[in-house]
Amino acid sequence: MNFITEYIEKSPYKDILYKLRDMALSLGFEEVVKWGKPCYTDNDKNVFLLSYFKPHAVLLFLKGDSMDDFAGLLHRSNFCVNGGRRIEFNDINEVVQLEQVIKQYMEQGRSMFRGT
């Protein structure tokens, strides 16, 4: 078992984190470990992290303050990331219902580093 799988398995939100992970990998992001968390990169640029806290799982965009919050899901992050914005999830059904929207946010996060 690799570090990321172990990290997800420890979470009370593993179904959510596995689903977000699958979505990121399906979009061609590279999976690495940064700051002890699963991090998804594009051309060696850190785009977003997966994490969890007691009340929820988190998809954290590292340049989220520059993103268009077209669906009103991004929240200011207090996770020691200047400019970060997060989407919080409490239930796998939220992720399933919002899958296409979440993928759009992931692609938009990627575009922050490509200048498009």
Protein backbone atom coordinates (compact mmCIF):
# COMPACT_ATOMS: atom_id res chain seq x y z
CA MET A 1 0.00 0.00 0.00
CA ASN A 2 1.45 3.39 -0.94
CA PHE A 3 1.40 6.53 1.20
CA ILE A 4 -1.62 8.10 -0.53
CA THR A 5 -3.71 4.95 -0.18
CA GLU A 6 -2.74 4.73 3.50
CA TYR A 7 -3.63 8.40 3.99
CA ILE A 8 -7.06 7.91 2.42
CA GLU A 9 -7.71 4.69 4.33
CA LYS A 10 -7.20 6.53 7.67
CA SER A 11 -9.85 9.10 6.78
CA PRO A 12 -13.48 8.90 7.88
CA TYR A 13 -14.18 10.30 4.36
CA LYS A 14 -12.34 7.66 2.34
CA ASP A 15 -15.21 7.15 -0.11
CA ILE A 16 -15.15 10.88 -0.92
CA LEU A 17 -11.36 11.03 -1.20
CA TYR A 18 -11.20 7.95 -3.43
CA LYS A 19 -13.83 9.45 -5.73
CA LEU A 20 -11.99 12.81 -5.93
CA ARG A 21 -8.73 10.93 -6.55
CA ASP A 22 -10.31 8.93 -9.38
CA MET A 23 -11.65 12.13 -10.92
CA ALA A 24 -8.23 13.82 -10.79
CA LEU A 25 -6.45 10.83 -12.30
CA SER A 26 -9.08 10.52 -15.05
CA LEU A 27 -8.23 14.11 -16.04
CA GLY A 28 -4.54 13.26 -16.35
CA PHE A 29 -3.18 14.91 -13.21
CA GLU A 30 -0.03 13.43 -11.73
CA GLU A 31 -0.37 12.24 -8.13
CA VAL A 32 2.42 13.11 -5.70
CA VAL A 33 2.78 13.72 -1.97
CA LYS A 34 3.31 17.30 -0.79
CA TRP A 35 3.08 18.53 2.79
CA GLY A 36 2.00 15.01 3.82
CA LYS A 37 -1.12 15.15 1.62
CA PRO A 38 -2.12 13.80 -1.81
CA CYS A 39 -1.26 16.56 -4.28
CA TYR A 40 -2.26 16.69 -7.93
CA THR A 41 0.10 18.36 -10.37
CA ASP A 42 0.27 19.40 -13.99
CA ASN A 43 3.68 19.98 -15.61
CA ASP A 44 5.27 19.87 -12.13
CA LYS A 45 2.95 22.64 -10.85
CA ASN A 46 0.94 21.90 -7.68
CA VAL A 47 -2.70 22.45 -8.62
CA PHE A 48 -4.73 21.02 -5.72
CA LEU A 49 -4.55 18.86 -2.60
CA LEU A 50 -6.92 16.36 -1.05
CA SER A 51 -7.25 16.49 2.71
CA TYR A 52 -9.67 15.90 5.53
CA PHE A 53 -10.52 17.41 8.87
CA LYS A 54 -12.93 16.34 11.57
CA PRO A 55 -16.01 17.95 9.98
CA HIS A 56 -15.32 17.30 6.25
CA ALA A 57 -13.13 16.22 3.36
CA VAL A 58 -11.46 19.00 1.40
CA LEU A 59 -10.42 19.68 -2.18
CA LEU A 60 -7.94 22.57 -1.83
CA PHE A 61 -6.97 24.64 -4.87
CA LEU A 62 -3.61 26.30 -4.35
CA LYS A 63 -4.44 29.28 -6.61
CA GLY A 64 -8.12 29.27 -5.78
CA ASP A 65 -8.29 33.00 -5.14
CA SER A 66 -7.68 33.54 -8.87
CA MET A 67 -10.37 31.09 -9.95
CA ASP A 68 -13.88 31.90 -11.10
CA ASP A 69 -16.20 30.48 -8.45
CA PHE A 70 -18.91 29.85 -11.06
CA ALA A 71 -20.88 27.44 -8.84
CA GLY A 72 -20.37 29.21 -5.51
CA LEU A 73 -18.49 26.28 -3.93
CA LEU A 74 -15.09 27.79 -3.10
CA HIS A 75 -14.37 28.86 0.48
CA ARG A 76 -11.41 30.83 1.76
CA SER A 77 -8.83 28.47 3.16
CA ASN A 78 -7.22 28.80 6.56
CA PHE A 79 -4.99 25.82 5.75
CA CYS A 80 -1.72 27.83 5.67
CA VAL A 81 -2.05 28.45 1.93
CA ASN A 82 -1.96 32.03 0.70
CA GLY A 83 -4.52 32.33 -2.04
CA GLY A 84 -5.97 28.87 -1.49
CA ARG A 85 -9.65 28.10 -1.79
CA ARG A 86 -11.34 24.88 -0.79
CA ILE A 87 -14.47 22.89 -1.51
CA GLU A 88 -15.77 20.97 1.51
CA PHE A 89 -17.60 17.64 1.32
CA ASN A 90 -19.48 15.73 4.02
CA ASP A 91 -21.18 13.06 1.94
CA ILE A 92 -20.24 11.01 -1.12
CA ASN A 93 -23.58 11.91 -2.71
CA GLU A 94 -22.44 15.56 -2.91
CA VAL A 95 -19.41 14.49 -4.93
CA VAL A 96 -21.42 12.22 -7.21
CA GLN A 97 -24.06 14.90 -7.89
CA LEU A 98 -21.40 17.58 -8.52
CA GLU A 99 -18.91 15.40 -10.43
CA GLN A 100 -18.96 17.42 -13.66
CA VAL A 101 -18.78 20.73 -11.79
CA ILE A 102 -15.86 19.48 -9.67
CA LYS A 103 -14.03 18.38 -12.83
CA GLN A 104 -14.56 21.86 -14.27
CA TYR A 105 -12.99 23.37 -11.14
CA MET A 106 -10.07 20.92 -11.44
CA GLU A 107 -9.52 21.92 -15.08
CA GLN A 108 -9.80 25.59 -14.18
CA GLY A 109 -7.21 25.06 -11.45
CA ARG A 110 -4.90 23.54 -14.05
CA SER A 111 -5.44 26.54 -16.34
CA MET A 112 -4.19 28.90 -13.60
CA PHE A 113 -0.71 27.54 -14.30
CA ARG A 114 -1.03 27.41 -18.07
CA GLY A 115 -2.22 30.96 -18.48
CA THR A 116 -5.39 29.93 -20.32
